[in-house]
Structure formats: C-alpha cells, structure tokens
Amino acid sequence: MLHLYVIRHGETEWNKEKRSQGRLDSALTMKGEEDAILLGERLKDTEFRQIISSPSGRTLDTARLVKGERLIPLITDERLMEIDLGTWQGKTEAEIKSHYPNAFDSYWNQPEAYENEDGETFLQVQQRLLQFLEDLEKKMTEGNVLIVTHGVVIKTLHLLCRNASISQVWDPPYIHGTSLTVLTLSGGKKELKLEACISHWSSYKSG
C-alpha cells in the first residue's frame, strides 16, 4: 500500500498580502520557512522513498527545508502546480473582486461554474491530479512518498478521496501553509488518514 504525505508550501509574501499566486511565485516568509523546518522535524523518523514537488519556487523551497540533510530523491511534476488563474495572478483579492466580480463570485460560491478565459477550471485541476495519482501508482505500489503542492490541489485531492463534487471544494478543513494531509492509495482507492494537520506549529510554544 502506498502512503502519501501531502503538504502545502509554507506561507509566502503574497499570501500575507492576499495576492493571487497561481503559476506566479513569491518568496517564503520567515514563518513559512520556520513552519517547514518544524514539519521536517516532525517527519524526521518517517522514511520516504521519494519527494515529488510542484516545480514552483515556493514548493521547492518548502520541500528542501522539510527534507533537510536527508538523502531523499527530489523530483518535480507540473501536474502538481497550483490552479492557473490567468490574468488574476499577481493581483490582490480586492483587485480581482473589483475587476472580475462575476468570476470572483463563482470562484468562491459556485466553483463548479467557475471559468477563467486565461486559466483553468477546478475540474481541469482535478483531472490532471487524478492522472498524476494513477501514474504514480503504476510506478510504485508501496512505501511512503512526500508530495509538496498547493492549496487548490490539496482541496481537490480531498474531493477525490471523498468522491465529492467540485461544488464542495471549499468545504472545511482550511489548508494552512505546511499543513499535512496523509492518505493511502491502493488499487485506485484513496483513503484519507489525516487532514490538513498543523500540530507541528505548537512547537513554537513548546520550543
């Protein structure tokens, strides 16, 4: 049985500014870096066969911080990239709401109907993620794999595990930076074992 440890990248400068990133990028904040190091400490005794990351800078930086000095193969896969938000990318939430009010409303309130002329739909994200999982299981059927990706990708993964519709993509839990989701993958069956856990954050208080 394959065990997937799926994490979102650490907090970035644009996250703090409520600025849309998508396929664009911004640097991790100090908190984002510290959270990734704490998660690496949390996972230090888990043996990973491989780390697979989105090729975005923020995910690769997070992956390397979680990995630390361990000799774990690290590769990238474009199918793990964040949803392509087209012309929204680089704009603040307020700017997007002002310039694209209808699309902004559907993105948050009717995600199954959301369309972006220059970007992707949630369904397209789900389809490429499903293909990634199918290909991964063809290559390996057991062991632990660490996957470093983005918020919408992880929300979509939760839908696949629950066999839920796109309309439920924003249902809880919230996917915080460096949150950990664990699932098993066997014969195409996906089962969530842990959802968006941030218990390593408590190390700030105890450390």
N, C-alpha and C. Protein backbone atom coordinates (compact mmCIF):
# COMPACT_ATOMS: atom_id res chain seq x y z
N MET A 1 0.85 -1.20 0.00
CA MET A 1 0.00 0.00 0.00
C MET A 1 0.88 1.25 0.00
N LEU A 2 0.50 2.22 -0.78
CA LEU A 2 1.24 3.47 -0.89
C LEU A 2 0.69 4.49 0.10
N HIS A 3 1.58 5.12 0.84
CA HIS A 3 1.18 6.17 1.78
C HIS A 3 1.69 7.51 1.26
N LEU A 4 0.78 8.43 1.03
CA LEU A 4 1.15 9.74 0.52
C LEU A 4 1.04 10.78 1.63
N TYR A 5 2.14 11.49 1.84
CA TYR A 5 2.19 12.59 2.80
C TYR A 5 2.17 13.87 1.98
N VAL A 6 1.07 14.58 2.00
CA VAL A 6 0.86 15.72 1.11
C VAL A 6 0.88 17.01 1.92
N ILE A 7 1.77 17.93 1.54
CA ILE A 7 1.86 19.18 2.27
C ILE A 7 1.72 20.37 1.33
N ARG A 8 1.17 21.43 1.87
CA ARG A 8 1.13 22.69 1.15
C ARG A 8 2.41 23.46 1.44
N HIS A 9 2.87 24.24 0.48
CA HIS A 9 4.04 25.08 0.69
C HIS A 9 3.85 25.99 1.89
N GLY A 10 4.94 26.47 2.44
CA GLY A 10 4.87 27.40 3.56
C GLY A 10 4.33 28.76 3.15
N GLU A 11 3.97 29.54 4.14
CA GLU A 11 3.45 30.89 3.89
C GLU A 11 4.42 31.70 3.03
N THR A 12 3.87 32.48 2.08
CA THR A 12 4.69 33.34 1.22
C THR A 12 4.35 34.81 1.46
N GLU A 13 5.18 35.66 0.87
CA GLU A 13 4.93 37.10 0.98
C GLU A 13 3.59 37.47 0.35
N TRP A 14 3.26 36.86 -0.78
CA TRP A 14 1.98 37.16 -1.43
C TRP A 14 0.80 36.60 -0.66
N ASN A 15 0.99 35.49 0.06
CA ASN A 15 -0.08 35.00 0.93
C ASN A 15 -0.44 36.08 1.95
N LYS A 16 0.58 36.69 2.54
CA LYS A 16 0.35 37.73 3.55
C LYS A 16 -0.38 38.93 2.96
N GLU A 17 -0.09 39.21 1.69
CA GLU A 17 -0.71 40.37 1.03
C GLU A 17 -2.06 40.04 0.41
N LYS A 18 -2.52 38.78 0.56
CA LYS A 18 -3.74 38.30 -0.09
C LYS A 18 -3.68 38.56 -1.60
N ARG A 19 -2.53 38.24 -2.15
CA ARG A 19 -2.27 38.42 -3.58
C ARG A 19 -2.27 37.05 -4.26
N SER A 20 -2.98 36.94 -5.36
CA SER A 20 -3.11 35.67 -6.07
C SER A 20 -1.77 35.24 -6.67
N GLN A 21 -1.40 33.98 -6.46
CA GLN A 21 -0.13 33.48 -6.97
C GLN A 21 -0.33 32.59 -8.20
N GLY A 22 -1.10 31.52 -8.06
CA GLY A 22 -1.29 30.62 -9.18
C GLY A 22 0.04 30.11 -9.71
N ARG A 23 0.30 30.37 -10.99
CA ARG A 23 1.55 29.92 -11.62
C ARG A 23 2.70 30.90 -11.40
N LEU A 24 2.40 32.10 -10.86
CA LEU A 24 3.47 33.02 -10.49
C LEU A 24 4.00 32.62 -9.12
N ASP A 25 4.95 33.38 -8.60
CA ASP A 25 5.60 32.92 -7.38
C ASP A 25 6.00 34.10 -6.50
N SER A 26 6.21 33.81 -5.22
CA SER A 26 6.80 34.77 -4.30
C SER A 26 7.55 33.99 -3.23
N ALA A 27 8.42 34.68 -2.53
CA ALA A 27 9.30 34.01 -1.58
C ALA A 27 8.56 33.59 -0.31
N LEU A 28 9.08 32.56 0.33
CA LEU A 28 8.55 32.16 1.63
C LEU A 28 8.85 33.24 2.65
N THR A 29 7.94 33.47 3.57
CA THR A 29 8.19 34.35 4.71
C THR A 29 9.05 33.61 5.72
N MET A 30 9.50 34.33 6.73
CA MET A 30 10.24 33.68 7.81
C MET A 30 9.38 32.62 8.49
N LYS A 31 8.09 32.93 8.67
CA LYS A 31 7.18 31.95 9.27
C LYS A 31 7.07 30.72 8.36
N GLY A 32 6.97 30.95 7.05
CA GLY A 32 6.86 29.83 6.13
C GLY A 32 8.07 28.91 6.21
N GLU A 33 9.26 29.51 6.32
CA GLU A 33 10.48 28.72 6.43
C GLU A 33 10.53 27.97 7.76
N GLU A 34 10.17 28.65 8.84
CA GLU A 34 10.21 28.02 10.16
C GLU A 34 9.20 26.88 10.26
N ASP A 35 8.01 27.09 9.70
CA ASP A 35 7.00 26.02 9.71
C ASP A 35 7.49 24.79 8.96
N ALA A 36 8.17 25.00 7.83
CA ALA A 36 8.67 23.88 7.04
C ALA A 36 9.75 23.12 7.80
N ILE A 37 10.61 23.85 8.51
CA ILE A 37 11.65 23.19 9.32
C ILE A 37 11.01 22.38 10.44
N LEU A 38 9.97 22.94 11.08
CA LEU A 38 9.26 22.22 12.13
C LEU A 38 8.59 20.95 11.60
N LEU A 39 8.02 21.05 10.39
CA LEU A 39 7.40 19.86 9.80
C LEU A 39 8.47 18.81 9.48
N GLY A 40 9.64 19.27 9.02
CA GLY A 40 10.72 18.33 8.77
C GLY A 40 11.12 17.59 10.03
N GLU A 41 11.15 18.30 11.15
CA GLU A 41 11.45 17.67 12.44
C GLU A 41 10.37 16.66 12.80
N ARG A 42 9.13 17.02 12.55
CA ARG A 42 8.00 16.11 12.84
C ARG A 42 8.11 14.82 12.03
N LEU A 43 8.60 14.93 10.81
CA LEU A 43 8.64 13.77 9.91
C LEU A 43 10.02 13.10 9.85
N LYS A 44 10.91 13.47 10.75
CA LYS A 44 12.29 13.01 10.64
C LYS A 44 12.44 11.50 10.73
N ASP A 45 11.50 10.83 11.40
CA ASP A 45 11.60 9.38 11.55
C ASP A 45 10.79 8.61 10.51
N THR A 46 10.16 9.34 9.59
CA THR A 46 9.40 8.70 8.50
C THR A 46 10.31 8.53 7.30
N GLU A 47 10.45 7.30 6.83
CA GLU A 47 11.31 7.02 5.68
C GLU A 47 10.53 7.24 4.39
N PHE A 48 11.03 8.13 3.54
CA PHE A 48 10.37 8.42 2.27
C PHE A 48 11.18 7.86 1.11
N ARG A 49 10.49 7.20 0.20
CA ARG A 49 11.15 6.70 -0.99
C ARG A 49 11.48 7.82 -1.95
N GLN A 50 10.65 8.86 -1.91
CA GLN A 50 10.81 9.94 -2.88
C GLN A 50 10.05 11.17 -2.40
N ILE A 51 10.50 12.35 -2.85
CA ILE A 51 9.74 13.58 -2.69
C ILE A 51 9.37 14.06 -4.08
N ILE A 52 8.10 14.36 -4.28
CA ILE A 52 7.64 14.89 -5.56
C ILE A 52 7.03 16.26 -5.29
N SER A 53 7.56 17.27 -5.96
CA SER A 53 7.13 18.64 -5.72
C SER A 53 6.61 19.29 -7.00
N SER A 54 5.68 20.21 -6.82
CA SER A 54 5.39 21.15 -7.89
C SER A 54 6.69 21.89 -8.22
N PRO A 55 6.90 22.27 -9.48
CA PRO A 55 8.14 22.97 -9.82
C PRO A 55 8.18 24.44 -9.40
N SER A 56 7.13 24.95 -8.78
CA SER A 56 7.14 26.34 -8.32
C SER A 56 8.20 26.54 -7.24
N GLY A 57 8.78 27.74 -7.22
CA GLY A 57 9.84 28.02 -6.26
C GLY A 57 9.41 27.83 -4.82
N ARG A 58 8.20 28.25 -4.48
CA ARG A 58 7.74 28.17 -3.09
C ARG A 58 7.57 26.73 -2.62
N THR A 59 7.20 25.84 -3.53
CA THR A 59 7.07 24.44 -3.15
C THR A 59 8.44 23.76 -3.06
N LEU A 60 9.32 24.08 -4.00
CA LEU A 60 10.67 23.50 -3.95
C LEU A 60 11.42 23.96 -2.71
N ASP A 61 11.30 25.24 -2.37
CA ASP A 61 11.96 25.73 -1.16
C ASP A 61 11.41 25.01 0.07
N THR A 62 10.10 24.83 0.12
CA THR A 62 9.48 24.11 1.23
C THR A 62 9.96 22.67 1.28
N ALA A 63 10.00 22.01 0.13
CA ALA A 63 10.44 20.61 0.07
C ALA A 63 11.86 20.46 0.61
N ARG A 64 12.73 21.37 0.23
CA ARG A 64 14.13 21.28 0.66
C ARG A 64 14.27 21.51 2.16
N LEU A 65 13.46 22.41 2.71
CA LEU A 65 13.51 22.65 4.15
C LEU A 65 12.97 21.47 4.93
N VAL A 66 11.91 20.84 4.44
CA VAL A 66 11.36 19.64 5.10
C VAL A 66 12.35 18.49 4.99
N LYS A 67 12.97 18.35 3.86
CA LYS A 67 13.93 17.28 3.59
C LYS A 67 15.17 17.41 4.47
N GLY A 68 15.64 18.64 4.68
CA GLY A 68 16.84 18.84 5.46
C GLY A 68 18.04 18.18 4.82
N GLU A 69 18.84 17.50 5.63
CA GLU A 69 20.06 16.85 5.14
C GLU A 69 19.82 15.42 4.68
N ARG A 70 18.59 14.97 4.74
CA ARG A 70 18.32 13.58 4.36
C ARG A 70 18.51 13.36 2.86
N LEU A 71 19.03 12.19 2.51
CA LEU A 71 19.30 11.85 1.12
C LEU A 71 18.06 11.18 0.51
N ILE A 72 17.08 12.01 0.20
CA ILE A 72 15.83 11.53 -0.40
C ILE A 72 15.73 12.09 -1.81
N PRO A 73 15.50 11.26 -2.82
CA PRO A 73 15.36 11.78 -4.19
C PRO A 73 14.23 12.80 -4.27
N LEU A 74 14.51 13.94 -4.92
CA LEU A 74 13.52 15.01 -5.07
C LEU A 74 13.32 15.28 -6.56
N ILE A 75 12.09 15.10 -7.04
CA ILE A 75 11.77 15.38 -8.43
C ILE A 75 10.57 16.32 -8.48
N THR A 76 10.31 16.88 -9.66
CA THR A 76 9.16 17.77 -9.83
C THR A 76 8.18 17.18 -10.84
N ASP A 77 6.94 17.61 -10.72
CA ASP A 77 5.89 17.20 -11.66
C ASP A 77 4.94 18.38 -11.86
N GLU A 78 4.80 18.84 -13.10
CA GLU A 78 3.98 20.02 -13.38
C GLU A 78 2.51 19.82 -13.04
N ARG A 79 2.07 18.57 -12.97
CA ARG A 79 0.67 18.30 -12.64
C ARG A 79 0.35 18.65 -11.19
N LEU A 80 1.37 18.94 -10.39
CA LEU A 80 1.16 19.35 -9.00
C LEU A 80 1.16 20.86 -8.84
N MET A 81 1.24 21.60 -9.95
CA MET A 81 1.23 23.06 -9.87
C MET A 81 -0.13 23.59 -9.44
N GLU A 82 -0.13 24.81 -8.92
CA GLU A 82 -1.37 25.43 -8.48
C GLU A 82 -2.28 25.70 -9.69
N ILE A 83 -3.56 25.88 -9.40
CA ILE A 83 -4.52 26.22 -10.44
C ILE A 83 -4.03 27.46 -11.19
N ASP A 84 -4.10 27.41 -12.51
CA ASP A 84 -3.70 28.54 -13.35
C ASP A 84 -4.84 29.56 -13.31
N LEU A 85 -4.56 30.73 -12.76
CA LEU A 85 -5.58 31.77 -12.60
C LEU A 85 -5.47 32.89 -13.63
N GLY A 86 -4.64 32.67 -14.66
CA GLY A 86 -4.58 33.61 -15.77
C GLY A 86 -4.29 35.04 -15.32
N THR A 87 -5.13 35.97 -15.78
CA THR A 87 -4.89 37.40 -15.51
C THR A 87 -5.08 37.78 -14.04
N TRP A 88 -5.65 36.88 -13.24
CA TRP A 88 -5.78 37.16 -11.82
C TRP A 88 -4.43 37.15 -11.11
N GLN A 89 -3.49 36.44 -11.66
CA GLN A 89 -2.23 36.19 -10.98
C GLN A 89 -1.43 37.48 -10.79
N GLY A 90 -0.99 37.68 -9.56
CA GLY A 90 -0.26 38.89 -9.20
C GLY A 90 -1.15 40.00 -8.66
N LYS A 91 -2.46 39.82 -8.77
CA LYS A 91 -3.40 40.83 -8.27
C LYS A 91 -3.86 40.48 -6.86
N THR A 92 -4.24 41.50 -6.10
CA THR A 92 -4.77 41.26 -4.77
C THR A 92 -6.21 40.78 -4.87
N GLU A 93 -6.69 40.20 -3.78
CA GLU A 93 -8.08 39.74 -3.74
C GLU A 93 -9.04 40.88 -4.02
N ALA A 94 -8.75 42.06 -3.45
CA ALA A 94 -9.62 43.23 -3.66
C ALA A 94 -9.63 43.65 -5.13
N GLU A 95 -8.48 43.60 -5.79
CA GLU A 95 -8.40 43.97 -7.21
C GLU A 95 -9.17 42.99 -8.08
N ILE A 96 -9.06 41.72 -7.78
CA ILE A 96 -9.77 40.70 -8.56
C ILE A 96 -11.29 40.88 -8.40
N LYS A 97 -11.71 41.10 -7.16
CA LYS A 97 -13.14 41.29 -6.90
C LYS A 97 -13.67 42.51 -7.63
N SER A 98 -12.86 43.55 -7.72
CA SER A 98 -13.27 44.77 -8.39
C SER A 98 -13.33 44.62 -9.91
N HIS A 99 -12.36 43.95 -10.49
CA HIS A 99 -12.26 43.86 -11.95
C HIS A 99 -13.02 42.67 -12.53
N TYR A 100 -13.20 41.62 -11.75
CA TYR A 100 -13.86 40.41 -12.25
C TYR A 100 -14.93 39.95 -11.25
N PRO A 101 -15.93 40.78 -10.96
CA PRO A 101 -16.87 40.47 -9.87
C PRO A 101 -17.64 39.18 -10.06
N ASN A 102 -18.10 38.90 -11.28
CA ASN A 102 -18.89 37.69 -11.51
C ASN A 102 -18.05 36.43 -11.37
N ALA A 103 -16.87 36.44 -11.99
CA ALA A 103 -15.99 35.27 -11.92
C ALA A 103 -15.49 35.06 -10.48
N PHE A 104 -15.22 36.17 -9.80
CA PHE A 104 -14.77 36.08 -8.41
C PHE A 104 -15.85 35.44 -7.54
N ASP A 105 -17.09 35.84 -7.77
CA ASP A 105 -18.20 35.27 -7.00
C ASP A 105 -18.36 33.77 -7.27
N SER A 106 -18.26 33.37 -8.53
CA SER A 106 -18.41 31.95 -8.84
C SER A 106 -17.23 31.14 -8.31
N TYR A 107 -16.04 31.72 -8.33
CA TYR A 107 -14.85 31.02 -7.82
C TYR A 107 -15.08 30.57 -6.38
N TRP A 108 -15.65 31.46 -5.57
CA TRP A 108 -15.83 31.15 -4.15
C TRP A 108 -17.19 30.54 -3.82
N ASN A 109 -18.22 30.89 -4.58
CA ASN A 109 -19.58 30.47 -4.21
C ASN A 109 -20.21 29.44 -5.15
N GLN A 110 -19.74 29.36 -6.38
CA GLN A 110 -20.21 28.33 -7.32
C GLN A 110 -19.02 27.78 -8.10
N PRO A 111 -18.09 27.14 -7.39
CA PRO A 111 -16.85 26.70 -8.03
C PRO A 111 -17.05 25.77 -9.22
N GLU A 112 -18.15 25.02 -9.21
CA GLU A 112 -18.43 24.12 -10.34
C GLU A 112 -18.72 24.90 -11.62
N ALA A 113 -19.10 26.18 -11.49
CA ALA A 113 -19.43 27.01 -12.65
C ALA A 113 -18.30 27.99 -12.99
N TYR A 114 -17.26 28.02 -12.18
CA TYR A 114 -16.17 28.98 -12.37
C TYR A 114 -15.42 28.71 -13.69
N GLU A 115 -15.20 29.79 -14.45
CA GLU A 115 -14.40 29.71 -15.68
C GLU A 115 -13.48 30.93 -15.74
N ASN A 116 -12.30 30.71 -16.30
CA ASN A 116 -11.33 31.78 -16.46
C ASN A 116 -10.75 31.64 -17.86
N GLU A 117 -10.98 32.61 -18.71
CA GLU A 117 -10.58 32.51 -20.12
C GLU A 117 -9.10 32.22 -20.28
N ASP A 118 -8.28 32.72 -19.36
CA ASP A 118 -6.84 32.56 -19.48
C ASP A 118 -6.28 31.50 -18.54
N GLY A 119 -7.15 30.80 -17.83
CA GLY A 119 -6.66 29.85 -16.83
C GLY A 119 -7.37 28.51 -16.87
N GLU A 120 -7.46 27.89 -15.70
CA GLU A 120 -8.04 26.56 -15.56
C GLU A 120 -9.35 26.58 -14.77
N THR A 121 -10.14 25.55 -14.94
CA THR A 121 -11.28 25.29 -14.07
C THR A 121 -10.84 24.33 -12.97
N PHE A 122 -11.66 24.20 -11.95
CA PHE A 122 -11.37 23.24 -10.89
C PHE A 122 -11.38 21.81 -11.43
N LEU A 123 -12.25 21.55 -12.39
CA LEU A 123 -12.32 20.22 -12.98
C LEU A 123 -11.02 19.87 -13.69
N GLN A 124 -10.44 20.83 -14.37
CA GLN A 124 -9.17 20.57 -15.06
C GLN A 124 -8.06 20.26 -14.07
N VAL A 125 -8.06 20.95 -12.92
CA VAL A 125 -7.09 20.65 -11.88
C VAL A 125 -7.30 19.21 -11.39
N GLN A 126 -8.54 18.86 -11.17
CA GLN A 126 -8.86 17.51 -10.68
C GLN A 126 -8.43 16.44 -11.68
N GLN A 127 -8.63 16.69 -12.95
CA GLN A 127 -8.27 15.70 -13.97
C GLN A 127 -6.77 15.48 -14.03
N ARG A 128 -5.98 16.55 -13.95
CA ARG A 128 -4.52 16.36 -14.01
C ARG A 128 -3.99 15.72 -12.73
N LEU A 129 -4.63 16.03 -11.60
CA LEU A 129 -4.23 15.40 -10.34
C LEU A 129 -4.55 13.91 -10.36
N LEU A 130 -5.70 13.55 -10.87
CA LEU A 130 -6.09 12.14 -10.96
C LEU A 130 -5.11 11.38 -11.85
N GLN A 131 -4.70 11.99 -12.96
CA GLN A 131 -3.73 11.36 -13.85
C GLN A 131 -2.39 11.17 -13.15
N PHE A 132 -1.99 12.17 -12.37
CA PHE A 132 -0.75 12.06 -11.59
C PHE A 132 -0.81 10.87 -10.63
N LEU A 133 -1.91 10.74 -9.91
CA LEU A 133 -2.05 9.65 -8.95
C LEU A 133 -2.04 8.29 -9.63
N GLU A 134 -2.72 8.19 -10.76
CA GLU A 134 -2.75 6.94 -11.49
C GLU A 134 -1.36 6.55 -11.97
N ASP A 135 -0.62 7.52 -12.49
CA ASP A 135 0.73 7.25 -12.97
C ASP A 135 1.67 6.89 -11.81
N LEU A 136 1.49 7.57 -10.67
CA LEU A 136 2.33 7.28 -9.51
C LEU A 136 2.14 5.84 -9.06
N GLU A 137 0.89 5.38 -9.03
CA GLU A 137 0.63 4.03 -8.56
C GLU A 137 1.14 2.97 -9.54
N LYS A 138 1.28 3.33 -10.80
CA LYS A 138 1.87 2.40 -11.77
C LYS A 138 3.36 2.22 -11.52
N LYS A 139 4.00 3.26 -10.98
CA LYS A 139 5.44 3.23 -10.75
C LYS A 139 5.80 2.58 -9.42
N MET A 140 4.96 2.79 -8.40
CA MET A 140 5.23 2.20 -7.09
C MET A 140 3.91 1.90 -6.38
N THR A 141 3.89 0.80 -5.66
CA THR A 141 2.65 0.37 -5.01
C THR A 141 2.76 0.32 -3.49
N GLU A 142 3.94 0.62 -2.97
CA GLU A 142 4.10 0.61 -1.51
C GLU A 142 5.17 1.60 -1.08
N GLY A 143 5.16 1.89 0.21
CA GLY A 143 6.12 2.83 0.77
C GLY A 143 5.52 4.21 0.98
N ASN A 144 6.36 5.13 1.44
CA ASN A 144 5.93 6.49 1.74
C ASN A 144 6.48 7.46 0.70
N VAL A 145 5.62 8.35 0.22
CA VAL A 145 6.02 9.38 -0.73
C VAL A 145 5.57 10.72 -0.18
N LEU A 146 6.48 11.69 -0.18
CA LEU A 146 6.16 13.05 0.26
C LEU A 146 5.84 13.91 -0.96
N ILE A 147 4.70 14.56 -0.94
CA ILE A 147 4.25 15.39 -2.06
C ILE A 147 4.10 16.83 -1.57
N VAL A 148 4.73 17.77 -2.26
CA VAL A 148 4.67 19.18 -1.87
C VAL A 148 3.96 19.95 -2.99
N THR A 149 2.83 20.55 -2.65
CA THR A 149 1.99 21.15 -3.67
C THR A 149 1.29 22.40 -3.14
N HIS A 150 0.08 22.66 -3.60
CA HIS A 150 -0.60 23.94 -3.37
C HIS A 150 -2.02 23.74 -2.81
N GLY A 151 -2.60 24.83 -2.32
CA GLY A 151 -3.89 24.77 -1.65
C GLY A 151 -5.01 24.19 -2.47
N VAL A 152 -5.23 24.69 -3.68
CA VAL A 152 -6.35 24.20 -4.50
C VAL A 152 -6.13 22.75 -4.90
N VAL A 153 -4.89 22.37 -5.15
CA VAL A 153 -4.60 20.97 -5.49
C VAL A 153 -4.96 20.05 -4.33
N ILE A 154 -4.62 20.47 -3.12
CA ILE A 154 -4.93 19.64 -1.95
C ILE A 154 -6.44 19.61 -1.69
N LYS A 155 -7.12 20.73 -1.86
CA LYS A 155 -8.58 20.73 -1.72
C LYS A 155 -9.21 19.76 -2.73
N THR A 156 -8.66 19.75 -3.93
CA THR A 156 -9.17 18.86 -4.98
C THR A 156 -8.88 17.41 -4.62
N LEU A 157 -7.72 17.16 -4.02
CA LEU A 157 -7.38 15.81 -3.57
C LEU A 157 -8.38 15.32 -2.54
N HIS A 158 -8.77 16.18 -1.63
CA HIS A 158 -9.78 15.81 -0.62
C HIS A 158 -11.08 15.40 -1.30
N LEU A 159 -11.47 16.12 -2.36
CA LEU A 159 -12.69 15.76 -3.10
C LEU A 159 -12.57 14.37 -3.69
N LEU A 160 -11.43 14.06 -4.28
CA LEU A 160 -11.23 12.74 -4.88
C LEU A 160 -11.33 11.64 -3.83
N CYS A 161 -10.76 11.89 -2.66
CA CYS A 161 -10.80 10.89 -1.60
C CYS A 161 -12.22 10.67 -1.08
N ARG A 162 -13.01 11.73 -1.10
CA ARG A 162 -14.39 11.63 -0.58
C ARG A 162 -15.41 11.32 -1.67
N ASN A 163 -14.95 11.28 -2.92
CA ASN A 163 -15.86 11.13 -4.06
C ASN A 163 -16.91 12.23 -4.03
N ALA A 164 -16.46 13.45 -3.74
CA ALA A 164 -17.35 14.61 -3.62
C ALA A 164 -17.28 15.46 -4.88
N SER A 165 -18.25 16.35 -5.04
CA SER A 165 -18.33 17.17 -6.24
C SER A 165 -17.51 18.46 -6.09
N ILE A 166 -17.23 19.08 -7.24
CA ILE A 166 -16.48 20.33 -7.26
C ILE A 166 -17.17 21.39 -6.41
N SER A 167 -18.48 21.34 -6.32
CA SER A 167 -19.22 22.34 -5.54
C SER A 167 -18.81 22.35 -4.07
N GLN A 168 -18.16 21.29 -3.61
CA GLN A 168 -17.76 21.16 -2.21
C GLN A 168 -16.28 21.47 -1.98
N VAL A 169 -15.63 22.04 -2.99
CA VAL A 169 -14.18 22.22 -2.89
C VAL A 169 -13.76 23.10 -1.72
N TRP A 170 -14.61 24.06 -1.32
CA TRP A 170 -14.23 24.97 -0.23
C TRP A 170 -14.73 24.51 1.13
N ASP A 171 -15.30 23.31 1.20
CA ASP A 171 -15.71 22.78 2.50
C ASP A 171 -14.48 22.62 3.39
N PRO A 172 -14.66 22.70 4.73
CA PRO A 172 -13.52 22.50 5.64
C PRO A 172 -12.87 21.13 5.40
N PRO A 173 -11.60 21.00 5.77
CA PRO A 173 -10.78 21.93 6.55
C PRO A 173 -10.06 22.95 5.67
N TYR A 174 -9.60 24.02 6.29
CA TYR A 174 -8.78 25.01 5.61
C TYR A 174 -7.37 24.45 5.45
N ILE A 175 -6.74 24.72 4.32
CA ILE A 175 -5.40 24.19 4.06
C ILE A 175 -4.36 25.26 4.38
N HIS A 176 -3.84 25.24 5.60
CA HIS A 176 -2.82 26.19 6.00
C HIS A 176 -1.47 25.85 5.37
N GLY A 177 -0.57 26.83 5.36
CA GLY A 177 0.78 26.58 4.89
C GLY A 177 1.47 25.51 5.73
N THR A 178 2.11 24.55 5.08
CA THR A 178 2.79 23.38 5.64
C THR A 178 1.85 22.39 6.32
N SER A 179 0.53 22.55 6.16
CA SER A 179 -0.39 21.56 6.73
C SER A 179 -0.14 20.20 6.09
N LEU A 180 -0.36 19.15 6.87
CA LEU A 180 -0.06 17.78 6.44
C LEU A 180 -1.35 16.98 6.26
N THR A 181 -1.51 16.43 5.07
CA THR A 181 -2.60 15.50 4.76
C THR A 181 -1.97 14.16 4.41
N VAL A 182 -2.50 13.10 5.00
CA VAL A 182 -1.98 11.76 4.73
C VAL A 182 -3.09 10.89 4.18
N LEU A 183 -2.79 10.15 3.12
CA LEU A 183 -3.77 9.22 2.57
C LEU A 183 -3.08 7.96 2.10
N THR A 184 -3.86 6.90 1.99
CA THR A 184 -3.37 5.66 1.41
C THR A 184 -3.91 5.53 0.00
N LEU A 185 -3.14 4.88 -0.84
CA LEU A 185 -3.51 4.68 -2.24
C LEU A 185 -3.25 3.22 -2.59
N SER A 186 -4.30 2.51 -2.96
CA SER A 186 -4.16 1.09 -3.27
C SER A 186 -5.22 0.69 -4.29
N GLY A 187 -4.78 0.24 -5.44
CA GLY A 187 -5.72 -0.18 -6.48
C GLY A 187 -6.66 0.93 -6.90
N GLY A 188 -6.18 2.17 -6.86
CA GLY A 188 -7.02 3.31 -7.22
C GLY A 188 -7.88 3.83 -6.10
N LYS A 189 -7.96 3.08 -4.99
CA LYS A 189 -8.77 3.51 -3.85
C LYS A 189 -7.97 4.48 -2.99
N LYS A 190 -8.56 5.62 -2.68
CA LYS A 190 -7.90 6.66 -1.91
C LYS A 190 -8.63 6.82 -0.57
N GLU A 191 -7.87 6.76 0.51
CA GLU A 191 -8.48 6.88 1.83
C GLU A 191 -7.70 7.87 2.68
N LEU A 192 -8.38 8.92 3.12
CA LEU A 192 -7.76 9.93 3.97
C LEU A 192 -7.51 9.37 5.37
N LYS A 193 -6.30 9.62 5.88
CA LYS A 193 -5.94 9.20 7.22
C LYS A 193 -5.72 10.39 8.15
N LEU A 194 -5.34 11.52 7.56
CA LEU A 194 -5.09 12.74 8.32
C LEU A 194 -5.38 13.92 7.41
N GLU A 195 -6.08 14.93 7.92
CA GLU A 195 -6.48 16.05 7.08
C GLU A 195 -5.93 17.38 7.58
N ALA A 196 -5.11 18.00 6.77
CA ALA A 196 -4.67 19.39 6.99
C ALA A 196 -4.18 19.66 8.40
N CYS A 197 -3.36 18.77 8.92
CA CYS A 197 -2.90 18.86 10.30
C CYS A 197 -1.75 19.86 10.43
N ILE A 198 -1.82 20.71 11.43
CA ILE A 198 -0.76 21.70 11.69
C ILE A 198 -0.25 21.57 13.13
N SER A 199 -0.27 20.36 13.68
CA SER A 199 0.14 20.19 15.08
C SER A 199 1.61 20.57 15.30
N HIS A 200 2.42 20.53 14.22
CA HIS A 200 3.83 20.93 14.39
C HIS A 200 3.97 22.42 14.71
N TRP A 201 2.95 23.21 14.43
CA TRP A 201 3.01 24.63 14.76
C TRP A 201 3.16 24.85 16.26
N SER A 202 2.62 23.91 17.07
CA SER A 202 2.67 24.05 18.51
C SER A 202 4.10 24.04 19.03
N SER A 203 5.04 23.61 18.18
CA SER A 203 6.44 23.59 18.59
C SER A 203 6.95 24.99 18.87
N TYR A 204 6.28 26.03 18.30
CA TYR A 204 6.66 27.41 18.60
C TYR A 204 6.53 27.67 20.11
N LYS A 205 5.44 27.15 20.67
CA LYS A 205 5.17 27.41 22.08
C LYS A 205 6.02 26.53 22.99
N SER A 206 6.23 25.29 22.57
CA SER A 206 6.95 24.35 23.43
C SER A 206 8.45 24.42 23.25
N GLY A 207 8.87 25.03 22.08
CA GLY A 207 10.31 25.05 21.77
C GLY A 207 11.06 26.12 22.56
